[in-house]
């Protein structure tokens, strides 16, 4: 029974990493794909800022541009921010005009969405690598994965809109105002909303806060990157230089400790495996748990024959 529960917990961890990878890769791919789609299919023009539309302190620029056939249109930016800089009235900027909605635009010299997409994809690749290389694929993996898929399908079915209740494409666009003309009466010069002095003071305050926290964030990012690189190198070394052997939990080691949930006992599996020379080796897994039934059982052990004779549980 202990072995079955432990196998289930290990498979659950593996599926969790896979789902995290899919979420990060999906969101990152969606954001990056949308940005690339705009750059490939949008119409590239130059536009003049007419003003901004104030939406509770965030400002969406409104542009006027002229197409190659001489037609003049107005378009609103599909993003807004509280920043004032760059939204000066009369400023000429390169624009990307939506291929499906001539009243929607974004500035061509901004790469924020591409950066966000790459940042989301990077941890997705890391989680996927951990799920594939650090956990063995067992029948329990398929069982837990199928159970989670059934649960997600059930939750998705609960929010599914029946076909006869779905709005038409025209109605959907109308509800979201995709085809509506821009109300120019709501467009105001940014200079009339925020004075130049106030804007400079706010930008200076934001710059000071950014400079204050930049070293802390930079150090934190470097530490995380170093830890990730070290873990990746260690895992790659074990996978390439180590040999695999089946392991079996022979007992549990009880240790008393304190944590965020208070003091309690933690139980660590003691794993025994045999080398190719039939030498029995035991080691304590570095991951323990409470209750006892949650103590992990390894499906395989990687014996590192090169790096300091360490044994790692995968």
C-alpha atoms as a PDB file:
ATOM      1  CA  UNK A   1       0.000   0.000   0.000  1.00  0.00           C
ATOM      2  CA  UNK A   2       2.838   2.375   0.868  1.00  0.00           C
ATOM      3  CA  UNK A   3       4.463   1.681  -2.484  1.00  0.00           C
ATOM      4  CA  UNK A   4       1.215   2.371  -4.357  1.00  0.00           C
ATOM      5  CA  UNK A   5       0.627   5.689  -2.545  1.00  0.00           C
ATOM      6  CA  UNK A   6       4.254   6.748  -3.023  1.00  0.00           C
ATOM      7  CA  UNK A   7       4.118   5.926  -6.737  1.00  0.00           C
ATOM      8  CA  UNK A   8       0.950   7.985  -6.998  1.00  0.00           C
ATOM      9  CA  UNK A   9       2.548  10.989  -5.289  1.00  0.00           C
ATOM     10  CA  UNK A  10       5.573  10.794  -7.570  1.00  0.00           C
ATOM     11  CA  UNK A  11       3.350  10.570 -10.637  1.00  0.00           C
ATOM     12  CA  UNK A  12       1.283  13.490  -9.337  1.00  0.00           C
ATOM     13  CA  UNK A  13       4.466  15.576  -9.006  1.00  0.00           C
ATOM     14  CA  UNK A  14       5.456  14.674 -12.556  1.00  0.00           C
ATOM     15  CA  UNK A  15       2.041  15.550 -13.978  1.00  0.00           C
ATOM     16  CA  UNK A  16       2.164  18.811 -12.014  1.00  0.00           C
ATOM     17  CA  UNK A  17       5.434  19.761 -13.718  1.00  0.00           C
ATOM     18  CA  UNK A  18       3.960  18.802 -17.093  1.00  0.00           C
ATOM     19  CA  UNK A  19       0.850  20.917 -16.502  1.00  0.00           C
ATOM     20  CA  UNK A  20       2.978  23.862 -15.363  1.00  0.00           C
ATOM     21  CA  UNK A  21       5.047  23.457 -18.524  1.00  0.00           C
ATOM     22  CA  UNK A  22       1.931  23.357 -20.695  1.00  0.00           C
ATOM     23  CA  UNK A  23       0.468  26.455 -19.006  1.00  0.00           C
ATOM     24  CA  UNK A  24       3.685  28.471 -19.367  1.00  0.00           C
ATOM     25  CA  UNK A  25       4.282  27.296 -22.933  1.00  0.00           C
ATOM     26  CA  UNK A  26       0.645  27.902 -23.855  1.00  0.00           C
ATOM     27  CA  UNK A  27       0.492  31.418 -22.416  1.00  0.00           C
ATOM     28  CA  UNK A  28       3.935  32.315 -23.717  1.00  0.00           C
ATOM     29  CA  UNK A  29       3.145  30.902 -27.156  1.00  0.00           C
ATOM     30  CA  UNK A  30      -0.165  32.783 -27.222  1.00  0.00           C
ATOM     31  CA  UNK A  31       1.427  36.118 -26.314  1.00  0.00           C
ATOM     32  CA  UNK A  32       4.443  35.654 -28.572  1.00  0.00           C
ATOM     33  CA  UNK A  33       2.316  34.275 -31.412  1.00  0.00           C
ATOM     34  CA  UNK A  34      -0.069  37.211 -31.188  1.00  0.00           C
ATOM     35  CA  UNK A  35       2.832  39.667 -31.315  1.00  0.00           C
ATOM     36  CA  UNK A  36       4.376  37.909 -34.315  1.00  0.00           C
ATOM     37  CA  UNK A  37       0.981  37.683 -36.040  1.00  0.00           C
ATOM     38  CA  UNK A  38       0.606  41.454 -35.749  1.00  0.00           C
ATOM     39  CA  UNK A  39       4.057  42.052 -37.182  1.00  0.00           C
ATOM     40  CA  UNK A  40       3.438  39.709 -40.113  1.00  0.00           C
ATOM     41  CA  UNK A  41      -0.158  40.554 -41.045  1.00  0.00           C
ATOM     42  CA  UNK A  42      -0.665  44.124 -39.802  1.00  0.00           C
ATOM     43  CA  UNK A  43      -0.468  47.179 -42.049  1.00  0.00           C
ATOM     44  CA  UNK A  44       2.606  49.294 -41.359  1.00  0.00           C
ATOM     45  CA  UNK A  45       1.891  53.035 -41.450  1.00  0.00           C
ATOM     46  CA  UNK A  46       2.909  56.252 -39.750  1.00  0.00           C
ATOM     47  CA  UNK A  47       0.350  57.867 -37.484  1.00  0.00           C
ATOM     48  CA  UNK A  48      -0.083  61.078 -35.544  1.00  0.00           C
ATOM     49  CA  UNK A  49      -1.239  61.068 -31.932  1.00  0.00           C
ATOM     50  CA  UNK A  50      -4.526  62.986 -31.636  1.00  0.00           C
ATOM     51  CA  UNK A  51      -4.811  62.546 -27.892  1.00  0.00           C
ATOM     52  CA  UNK A  52      -5.663  59.858 -25.368  1.00  0.00           C
ATOM     53  CA  UNK A  53      -8.741  58.228 -23.918  1.00  0.00           C
ATOM     54  CA  UNK A  54      -8.618  58.304 -20.128  1.00  0.00           C
ATOM     55  CA  UNK A  55      -9.786  55.053 -18.539  1.00  0.00           C
ATOM     56  CA  UNK A  56      -9.527  55.492 -14.768  1.00  0.00           C
ATOM     57  CA  UNK A  57      -5.977  56.769 -14.851  1.00  0.00           C
ATOM     58  CA  UNK A  58      -4.691  54.677 -17.751  1.00  0.00           C
ATOM     59  CA  UNK A  59      -4.294  56.363 -21.109  1.00  0.00           C
ATOM     60  CA  UNK A  60      -4.839  54.730 -24.505  1.00  0.00           C
ATOM     61  CA  UNK A  61      -3.449  56.827 -27.370  1.00  0.00           C
ATOM     62  CA  UNK A  62      -5.624  57.576 -30.393  1.00  0.00           C
ATOM     63  CA  UNK A  63      -3.903  57.920 -33.769  1.00  0.00           C
ATOM     64  CA  UNK A  64      -4.790  59.302 -37.172  1.00  0.00           C
ATOM     65  CA  UNK A  65      -3.143  57.630 -40.132  1.00  0.00           C
ATOM     66  CA  UNK A  66      -3.390  57.639 -43.911  1.00  0.00           C
ATOM     67  CA  UNK A  67      -3.351  54.494 -46.037  1.00  0.00           C
ATOM     68  CA  UNK A  68      -1.620  54.123 -49.377  1.00  0.00           C
ATOM     69  CA  UNK A  69      -4.925  54.777 -51.190  1.00  0.00           C
ATOM     70  CA  UNK A  70      -5.240  58.170 -49.490  1.00  0.00           C
ATOM     71  CA  UNK A  71      -7.975  57.199 -47.004  1.00  0.00           C
ATOM     72  CA  UNK A  72      -7.610  58.652 -43.508  1.00  0.00           C
ATOM     73  CA  UNK A  73      -8.678  56.691 -40.417  1.00  0.00           C
ATOM     74  CA  UNK A  74      -8.529  56.921 -36.653  1.00  0.00           C
ATOM     75  CA  UNK A  75      -7.352  54.034 -34.492  1.00  0.00           C
ATOM     76  CA  UNK A  76      -7.024  53.473 -30.765  1.00  0.00           C
ATOM     77  CA  UNK A  77      -4.091  51.633 -29.224  1.00  0.00           C
ATOM     78  CA  UNK A  78      -4.932  48.123 -28.028  1.00  0.00           C
ATOM     79  CA  UNK A  79      -2.855  48.757 -24.889  1.00  0.00           C
ATOM     80  CA  UNK A  80      -2.963  51.514 -22.309  1.00  0.00           C
ATOM     81  CA  UNK A  81      -0.779  52.580 -19.400  1.00  0.00           C
ATOM     82  CA  UNK A  82      -0.488  55.266 -16.767  1.00  0.00           C
ATOM     83  CA  UNK A  83       2.720  56.578 -18.311  1.00  0.00           C
ATOM     84  CA  UNK A  84       2.554  60.034 -19.877  1.00  0.00           C
ATOM     85  CA  UNK A  85       5.828  60.022 -21.748  1.00  0.00           C
ATOM     86  CA  UNK A  86       5.506  59.157 -25.441  1.00  0.00           C
ATOM     87  CA  UNK A  87       1.847  60.209 -25.682  1.00  0.00           C
ATOM     88  CA  UNK A  88       2.431  63.848 -26.569  1.00  0.00           C
ATOM     89  CA  UNK A  89      -0.183  65.288 -28.925  1.00  0.00           C
ATOM     90  CA  UNK A  90       1.071  65.612 -32.507  1.00  0.00           C
ATOM     91  CA  UNK A  91       3.850  63.079 -32.080  1.00  0.00           C
ATOM     92  CA  UNK A  92       4.424  60.908 -35.173  1.00  0.00           C
ATOM     93  CA  UNK A  93       4.953  57.212 -34.470  1.00  0.00           C
ATOM     94  CA  UNK A  94       5.227  54.036 -36.593  1.00  0.00           C
ATOM     95  CA  UNK A  95       2.065  51.970 -36.280  1.00  0.00           C
ATOM     96  CA  UNK A  96       0.813  48.445 -36.834  1.00  0.00           C
ATOM     97  CA  UNK A  97      -2.845  48.501 -37.924  1.00  0.00           C
ATOM     98  CA  UNK A  98      -4.874  45.356 -37.283  1.00  0.00           C
ATOM     99  CA  UNK A  99      -5.610  43.410 -40.451  1.00  0.00           C
ATOM    100  CA  UNK A 100      -9.158  42.729 -39.188  1.00  0.00           C
ATOM    101  CA  UNK A 101     -10.006  45.992 -37.459  1.00  0.00           C
ATOM    102  CA  UNK A 102      -8.732  49.306 -38.910  1.00  0.00           C
ATOM    103  CA  UNK A 103      -9.611  51.107 -35.666  1.00  0.00           C
ATOM    104  CA  UNK A 104      -7.173  49.018 -33.601  1.00  0.00           C
ATOM    105  CA  UNK A 105      -3.450  49.758 -33.596  1.00  0.00           C
ATOM    106  CA  UNK A 106      -0.247  49.359 -31.661  1.00  0.00           C
ATOM    107  CA  UNK A 107       3.122  51.048 -31.936  1.00  0.00           C
ATOM    108  CA  UNK A 108       5.589  49.172 -34.129  1.00  0.00           C
ATOM    109  CA  UNK A 109       8.666  50.068 -32.070  1.00  0.00           C
ATOM    110  CA  UNK A 110       7.438  48.339 -28.889  1.00  0.00           C
ATOM    111  CA  UNK A 111       8.615  44.809 -28.052  1.00  0.00           C
ATOM    112  CA  UNK A 112       7.086  44.344 -24.602  1.00  0.00           C
ATOM    113  CA  UNK A 113       4.752  41.519 -25.679  1.00  0.00           C
ATOM    114  CA  UNK A 114       7.586  39.614 -27.344  1.00  0.00           C
ATOM    115  CA  UNK A 115       9.653  39.870 -24.148  1.00  0.00           C
ATOM    116  CA  UNK A 116       6.727  38.706 -21.998  1.00  0.00           C
ATOM    117  CA  UNK A 117       6.149  35.739 -24.306  1.00  0.00           C
ATOM    118  CA  UNK A 118       9.795  34.662 -24.120  1.00  0.00           C
ATOM    119  CA  UNK A 119       9.821  35.067 -20.323  1.00  0.00           C
ATOM    120  CA  UNK A 120       6.783  32.772 -20.070  1.00  0.00           C
ATOM    121  CA  UNK A 121       8.180  30.174 -22.480  1.00  0.00           C
ATOM    122  CA  UNK A 122      11.528  29.868 -20.638  1.00  0.00           C
ATOM    123  CA  UNK A 123      10.123  28.368 -17.379  1.00  0.00           C
ATOM    124  CA  UNK A 124       7.815  26.183 -19.459  1.00  0.00           C
ATOM    125  CA  UNK A 125      10.827  24.577 -21.110  1.00  0.00           C
ATOM    126  CA  UNK A 126      12.486  24.155 -17.698  1.00  0.00           C
ATOM    127  CA  UNK A 127       9.407  22.527 -16.141  1.00  0.00           C
ATOM    128  CA  UNK A 128       9.016  20.224 -19.134  1.00  0.00           C
ATOM    129  CA  UNK A 129      12.668  19.160 -18.924  1.00  0.00           C
ATOM    130  CA  UNK A 130      12.352  18.432 -15.206  1.00  0.00           C
ATOM    131  CA  UNK A 131       9.177  16.405 -15.745  1.00  0.00           C
ATOM    132  CA  UNK A 132      10.760  14.284 -18.480  1.00  0.00           C
ATOM    133  CA  UNK A 133      14.292  13.816 -17.112  1.00  0.00           C
ATOM    134  CA  UNK A 134      13.841  13.817 -13.326  1.00  0.00           C
ATOM    135  CA  UNK A 135      10.851  11.455 -13.096  1.00  0.00           C
ATOM    136  CA  UNK A 136      10.409   8.016 -14.655  1.00  0.00           C
ATOM    137  CA  UNK A 137       7.320   7.480 -16.775  1.00  0.00           C
ATOM    138  CA  UNK A 138       5.399   4.673 -15.089  1.00  0.00           C
ATOM    139  CA  UNK A 139       1.878   3.248 -15.463  1.00  0.00           C
ATOM    140  CA  UNK A 140       0.918   5.404 -12.501  1.00  0.00           C
ATOM    141  CA  UNK A 141       1.972   8.474 -14.514  1.00  0.00           C
ATOM    142  CA  UNK A 142      -0.539   7.587 -17.212  1.00  0.00           C
ATOM    143  CA  UNK A 143      -3.213   6.831 -14.610  1.00  0.00           C
ATOM    144  CA  UNK A 144      -2.787  10.137 -12.752  1.00  0.00           C
ATOM    145  CA  UNK A 145      -2.532  12.020 -16.060  1.00  0.00           C
ATOM    146  CA  UNK A 146      -5.761  10.473 -17.331  1.00  0.00           C
ATOM    147  CA  UNK A 147      -7.537  11.315 -14.056  1.00  0.00           C
ATOM    148  CA  UNK A 148      -6.417  14.948 -14.244  1.00  0.00           C
ATOM    149  CA  UNK A 149      -7.478  15.191 -17.906  1.00  0.00           C
ATOM    150  CA  UNK A 150     -10.905  13.803 -17.020  1.00  0.00           C
ATOM    151  CA  UNK A 151     -11.234  16.362 -14.229  1.00  0.00           C
ATOM    152  CA  UNK A 152     -10.176  19.249 -16.501  1.00  0.00           C
ATOM    153  CA  UNK A 153     -12.566  18.046 -19.200  1.00  0.00           C
ATOM    154  CA  UNK A 154     -15.383  17.951 -16.659  1.00  0.00           C
ATOM    155  CA  UNK A 155     -14.621  21.481 -15.449  1.00  0.00           C
ATOM    156  CA  UNK A 156     -14.387  22.679 -19.043  1.00  0.00           C
ATOM    157  CA  UNK A 157     -17.727  21.083 -19.865  1.00  0.00           C
ATOM    158  CA  UNK A 158     -19.312  22.971 -16.958  1.00  0.00           C
ATOM    159  CA  UNK A 159     -18.410  26.318 -18.542  1.00  0.00           C
ATOM    160  CA  UNK A 160     -19.079  25.195 -22.116  1.00  0.00           C
ATOM    161  CA  UNK A 161     -21.637  27.345 -23.933  1.00  0.00           C
ATOM    162  CA  UNK A 162     -24.203  25.331 -25.912  1.00  0.00           C
ATOM    163  CA  UNK A 163     -24.104  25.919 -29.648  1.00  0.00           C
ATOM    164  CA  UNK A 164     -27.579  27.433 -29.789  1.00  0.00           C
ATOM    165  CA  UNK A 165     -26.633  29.951 -27.083  1.00  0.00           C
ATOM    166  CA  UNK A 166     -23.407  31.162 -28.665  1.00  0.00           C
ATOM    167  CA  UNK A 167     -23.409  34.655 -30.181  1.00  0.00           C
ATOM    168  CA  UNK A 168     -22.700  35.055 -33.862  1.00  0.00           C
ATOM    169  CA  UNK A 169     -19.357  36.471 -34.975  1.00  0.00           C
ATOM    170  CA  UNK A 170     -20.962  39.821 -35.789  1.00  0.00           C
ATOM    171  CA  UNK A 171     -22.695  39.927 -32.399  1.00  0.00           C
ATOM    172  CA  UNK A 172     -19.469  38.973 -30.626  1.00  0.00           C
ATOM    173  CA  UNK A 173     -17.594  41.792 -32.374  1.00  0.00           C
ATOM    174  CA  UNK A 174     -20.420  44.231 -31.609  1.00  0.00           C
ATOM    175  CA  UNK A 175     -20.416  43.327 -27.900  1.00  0.00           C
ATOM    176  CA  UNK A 176     -16.700  44.049 -27.706  1.00  0.00           C
ATOM    177  CA  UNK A 177     -16.877  47.182 -29.793  1.00  0.00           C
ATOM    178  CA  UNK A 178     -14.456  45.874 -32.406  1.00  0.00           C
ATOM    179  CA  UNK A 179     -16.310  47.480 -35.278  1.00  0.00           C
ATOM    180  CA  UNK A 180     -17.413  50.634 -33.485  1.00  0.00           C
ATOM    181  CA  UNK A 181     -16.056  53.972 -34.615  1.00  0.00           C
ATOM    182  CA  UNK A 182     -13.904  55.869 -32.141  1.00  0.00           C
ATOM    183  CA  UNK A 183     -15.780  58.578 -30.272  1.00  0.00           C
ATOM    184  CA  UNK A 184     -13.483  61.539 -30.823  1.00  0.00           C
ATOM    185  CA  UNK A 185     -15.339  63.529 -28.173  1.00  0.00           C
ATOM    186  CA  UNK A 186     -13.669  61.345 -25.548  1.00  0.00           C
ATOM    187  CA  UNK A 187     -10.204  62.014 -26.944  1.00  0.00           C
ATOM    188  CA  UNK A 188      -8.268  64.609 -24.968  1.00  0.00           C
ATOM    189  CA  UNK A 189      -4.699  65.877 -25.245  1.00  0.00           C
ATOM    190  CA  UNK A 190      -2.491  64.295 -22.651  1.00  0.00           C
ATOM    191  CA  UNK A 191      -1.236  67.781 -21.793  1.00  0.00           C
ATOM    192  CA  UNK A 192      -4.705  68.744 -20.526  1.00  0.00           C
ATOM    193  CA  UNK A 193      -4.899  65.692 -18.257  1.00  0.00           C
ATOM    194  CA  UNK A 194      -1.436  65.704 -16.737  1.00  0.00           C
ATOM    195  CA  UNK A 195       0.708  68.806 -16.728  1.00  0.00           C
ATOM    196  CA  UNK A 196       4.275  68.506 -17.925  1.00  0.00           C
ATOM    197  CA  UNK A 197       5.620  69.318 -14.466  1.00  0.00           C
ATOM    198  CA  UNK A 198       3.452  66.746 -12.735  1.00  0.00           C
ATOM    199  CA  UNK A 199       4.364  64.171 -15.372  1.00  0.00           C
ATOM    200  CA  UNK A 200       8.060  64.838 -14.879  1.00  0.00           C
ATOM    201  CA  UNK A 201       7.721  64.588 -11.109  1.00  0.00           C
ATOM    202  CA  UNK A 202       5.848  61.302 -11.393  1.00  0.00           C
ATOM    203  CA  UNK A 203       8.357  59.916 -13.877  1.00  0.00           C
ATOM    204  CA  UNK A 204      11.213  60.982 -11.597  1.00  0.00           C
ATOM    205  CA  UNK A 205       9.552  59.316  -8.590  1.00  0.00           C
ATOM    206  CA  UNK A 206       9.002  56.137 -10.555  1.00  0.00           C
ATOM    207  CA  UNK A 207      12.603  56.253 -11.749  1.00  0.00           C
ATOM    208  CA  UNK A 208      13.876  56.648  -8.194  1.00  0.00           C
ATOM    209  CA  UNK A 209      11.798  53.689  -7.031  1.00  0.00           C
ATOM    210  CA  UNK A 210      13.040  51.626  -9.943  1.00  0.00           C
ATOM    211  CA  UNK A 211      16.679  52.523  -9.210  1.00  0.00           C
ATOM    212  CA  UNK A 212      16.139  51.706  -5.541  1.00  0.00           C
ATOM    213  CA  UNK A 213      14.775  48.229  -6.172  1.00  0.00           C
ATOM    214  CA  UNK A 214      16.814  47.396  -9.272  1.00  0.00           C
ATOM    215  CA  UNK A 215      19.880  46.094  -7.342  1.00  0.00           C
ATOM    216  CA  UNK A 216      17.712  43.916  -5.090  1.00  0.00           C
ATOM    217  CA  UNK A 217      15.789  42.472  -8.018  1.00  0.00           C
ATOM    218  CA  UNK A 218      19.010  42.010  -9.978  1.00  0.00           C
ATOM    219  CA  UNK A 219      20.697  40.124  -7.132  1.00  0.00           C
ATOM    220  CA  UNK A 220      17.594  37.970  -6.635  1.00  0.00           C
ATOM    221  CA  UNK A 221      17.479  37.176 -10.359  1.00  0.00           C
ATOM    222  CA  UNK A 222      21.196  36.296 -10.412  1.00  0.00           C
ATOM    223  CA  UNK A 223      20.787  33.975  -7.397  1.00  0.00           C
ATOM    224  CA  UNK A 224      17.813  32.223  -8.987  1.00  0.00           C
ATOM    225  CA  UNK A 225      19.634  31.893 -12.309  1.00  0.00           C
ATOM    226  CA  UNK A 226      22.743  30.509 -10.584  1.00  0.00           C
ATOM    227  CA  UNK A 227      20.674  27.996  -8.625  1.00  0.00           C
ATOM    228  CA  UNK A 228      18.848  26.907 -11.775  1.00  0.00           C
ATOM    229  CA  UNK A 229      22.119  26.538 -13.711  1.00  0.00           C
ATOM    230  CA  UNK A 230      23.730  24.571 -10.874  1.00  0.00           C
ATOM    231  CA  UNK A 231      20.726  22.257 -10.587  1.00  0.00           C
ATOM    232  CA  UNK A 232      20.616  21.757 -14.353  1.00  0.00           C
ATOM    233  CA  UNK A 233      24.339  20.969 -14.532  1.00  0.00           C
ATOM    234  CA  UNK A 234      24.060  18.541 -11.607  1.00  0.00           C
ATOM    235  CA  UNK A 235      21.077  16.787 -13.152  1.00  0.00           C
ATOM    236  CA  UNK A 236      22.709  16.631 -16.576  1.00  0.00           C
ATOM    237  CA  UNK A 237      25.887  15.195 -15.025  1.00  0.00           C
ATOM    238  CA  UNK A 238      23.918  12.526 -13.194  1.00  0.00           C
ATOM    239  CA  UNK A 239      21.945  11.628 -16.314  1.00  0.00           C
ATOM    240  CA  UNK A 240      25.072  11.388 -18.490  1.00  0.00           C
ATOM    241  CA  UNK A 241      27.669   9.926 -16.097  1.00  0.00           C
ATOM    242  CA  UNK A 242      25.499   7.908 -13.722  1.00  0.00           C
ATOM    243  CA  UNK A 243      24.075   4.423 -14.002  1.00  0.00           C
ATOM    244  CA  UNK A 244      20.531   3.415 -13.109  1.00  0.00           C
ATOM    245  CA  UNK A 245      19.503   0.735 -10.668  1.00  0.00           C
ATOM    246  CA  UNK A 246      16.128  -0.238  -9.198  1.00  0.00           C
ATOM    247  CA  UNK A 247      15.748   0.890  -5.593  1.00  0.00           C
ATOM    248  CA  UNK A 248      13.495  -0.256  -2.769  1.00  0.00           C
ATOM    249  CA  UNK A 249      12.409   1.528   0.394  1.00  0.00           C
ATOM    250  CA  UNK A 250      13.552  -0.602   3.315  1.00  0.00           C
ATOM    251  CA  UNK A 251      12.533   1.673   6.193  1.00  0.00           C
ATOM    252  CA  UNK A 252      11.742   5.252   7.154  1.00  0.00           C
ATOM    253  CA  UNK A 253      13.921   7.571   9.201  1.00  0.00           C
ATOM    254  CA  UNK A 254      12.098   9.786  11.661  1.00  0.00           C
ATOM    255  CA  UNK A 255      13.466  13.311  12.268  1.00  0.00           C
ATOM    256  CA  UNK A 256      12.046  16.059  14.467  1.00  0.00           C
ATOM    257  CA  UNK A 257      11.995  19.566  13.029  1.00  0.00           C
ATOM    258  CA  UNK A 258      10.099  22.843  12.911  1.00  0.00           C
ATOM    259  CA  UNK A 259       8.568  24.662   9.980  1.00  0.00           C
ATOM    260  CA  UNK A 260       5.885  27.151   9.002  1.00  0.00           C
ATOM    261  CA  UNK A 261       3.171  24.770  10.239  1.00  0.00           C
ATOM    262  CA  UNK A 262       4.883  24.132  13.604  1.00  0.00           C
ATOM    263  CA  UNK A 263       7.133  21.431  14.993  1.00  0.00           C
ATOM    264  CA  UNK A 264       6.521  17.866  13.867  1.00  0.00           C
ATOM    265  CA  UNK A 265       8.203  14.657  12.767  1.00  0.00           C
ATOM    266  CA  UNK A 266       9.286  14.231   9.165  1.00  0.00           C
ATOM    267  CA  UNK A 267       9.811  10.798   7.661  1.00  0.00           C
ATOM    268  CA  UNK A 268      12.557  10.185   5.109  1.00  0.00           C
ATOM    269  CA  UNK A 269      12.684   7.012   3.018  1.00  0.00           C
ATOM    270  CA  UNK A 270      15.821   4.874   3.360  1.00  0.00           C
ATOM    271  CA  UNK A 271      16.438   3.394  -0.085  1.00  0.00           C
ATOM    272  CA  UNK A 272      18.549   0.314  -0.809  1.00  0.00           C
ATOM    273  CA  UNK A 273      19.882  -0.641  -4.238  1.00  0.00           C
ATOM    274  CA  UNK A 274      22.562  -2.954  -5.594  1.00  0.00           C
ATOM    275  CA  UNK A 275      25.434  -1.961  -7.861  1.00  0.00           C
ATOM    276  CA  UNK A 276      26.601  -3.974 -10.854  1.00  0.00           C
ATOM    277  CA  UNK A 277      29.041  -5.705  -8.471  1.00  0.00           C
ATOM    278  CA  UNK A 278      26.062  -6.735  -6.295  1.00  0.00           C
ATOM    279  CA  UNK A 279      27.179  -4.360  -3.559  1.00  0.00           C
ATOM    280  CA  UNK A 280      24.223  -3.238  -1.427  1.00  0.00           C
ATOM    281  CA  UNK A 281      24.089   0.521  -0.887  1.00  0.00           C
ATOM    282  CA  UNK A 282      21.646   2.444   1.276  1.00  0.00           C
ATOM    283  CA  UNK A 283      20.988   6.172   1.381  1.00  0.00           C
ATOM    284  CA  UNK A 284      18.437   8.566   2.830  1.00  0.00           C
ATOM    285  CA  UNK A 285      16.255  10.387   0.338  1.00  0.00           C
ATOM    286  CA  UNK A 286      16.610  14.152   0.683  1.00  0.00           C
ATOM    287  CA  UNK A 287      12.834  14.615   0.446  1.00  0.00           C
ATOM    288  CA  UNK A 288      10.716  13.687   3.459  1.00  0.00           C
ATOM    289  CA  UNK A 289       7.089  14.214   4.373  1.00  0.00           C
ATOM    290  CA  UNK A 290       4.424  13.906   6.995  1.00  0.00           C
ATOM    291  CA  UNK A 291       2.189  11.851   7.222  1.00  0.00           C
ATOM    292  CA  UNK A 292       4.177   8.681   6.699  1.00  0.00           C
ATOM    293  CA  UNK A 293       2.048   7.576   3.731  1.00  0.00           C
ATOM    294  CA  UNK A 294       3.277  10.607   1.797  1.00  0.00           C
ATOM    295  CA  UNK A 295       6.938   9.553   2.062  1.00  0.00           C
ATOM    296  CA  UNK A 296       8.176   9.244  -1.503  1.00  0.00           C
ATOM    297  CA  UNK A 297       9.269   5.978  -3.005  1.00  0.00           C
ATOM    298  CA  UNK A 298      11.749   6.254  -5.827  1.00  0.00           C
ATOM    299  CA  UNK A 299      11.046   4.351  -9.004  1.00  0.00           C
ATOM    300  CA  UNK A 300      14.720   4.448  -9.941  1.00  0.00           C
ATOM    301  CA  UNK A 301      17.988   5.572  -8.434  1.00  0.00           C
ATOM    302  CA  UNK A 302      20.813   7.264 -10.297  1.00  0.00           C
ATOM    303  CA  UNK A 303      24.208   6.356  -8.862  1.00  0.00           C
ATOM    304  CA  UNK A 304      26.764   9.018  -9.681  1.00  0.00           C
ATOM    305  CA  UNK A 305      30.063   7.224 -10.131  1.00  0.00           C
ATOM    306  CA  UNK A 306      31.992  10.384 -10.970  1.00  0.00           C
ATOM    307  CA  UNK A 307      30.989  13.267  -8.716  1.00  0.00           C
ATOM    308  CA  UNK A 308      32.124  12.599  -5.138  1.00  0.00           C
ATOM    309  CA  UNK A 309      30.452   9.206  -5.055  1.00  0.00           C
ATOM    310  CA  UNK A 310      27.070  10.766  -4.282  1.00  0.00           C
ATOM    311  CA  UNK A 311      23.830   8.894  -4.737  1.00  0.00           C
ATOM    312  CA  UNK A 312      20.799  10.802  -5.898  1.00  0.00           C
ATOM    313  CA  UNK A 313      17.187   9.717  -6.001  1.00  0.00           C
ATOM    314  CA  UNK A 314      15.361  10.608  -9.245  1.00  0.00           C
END
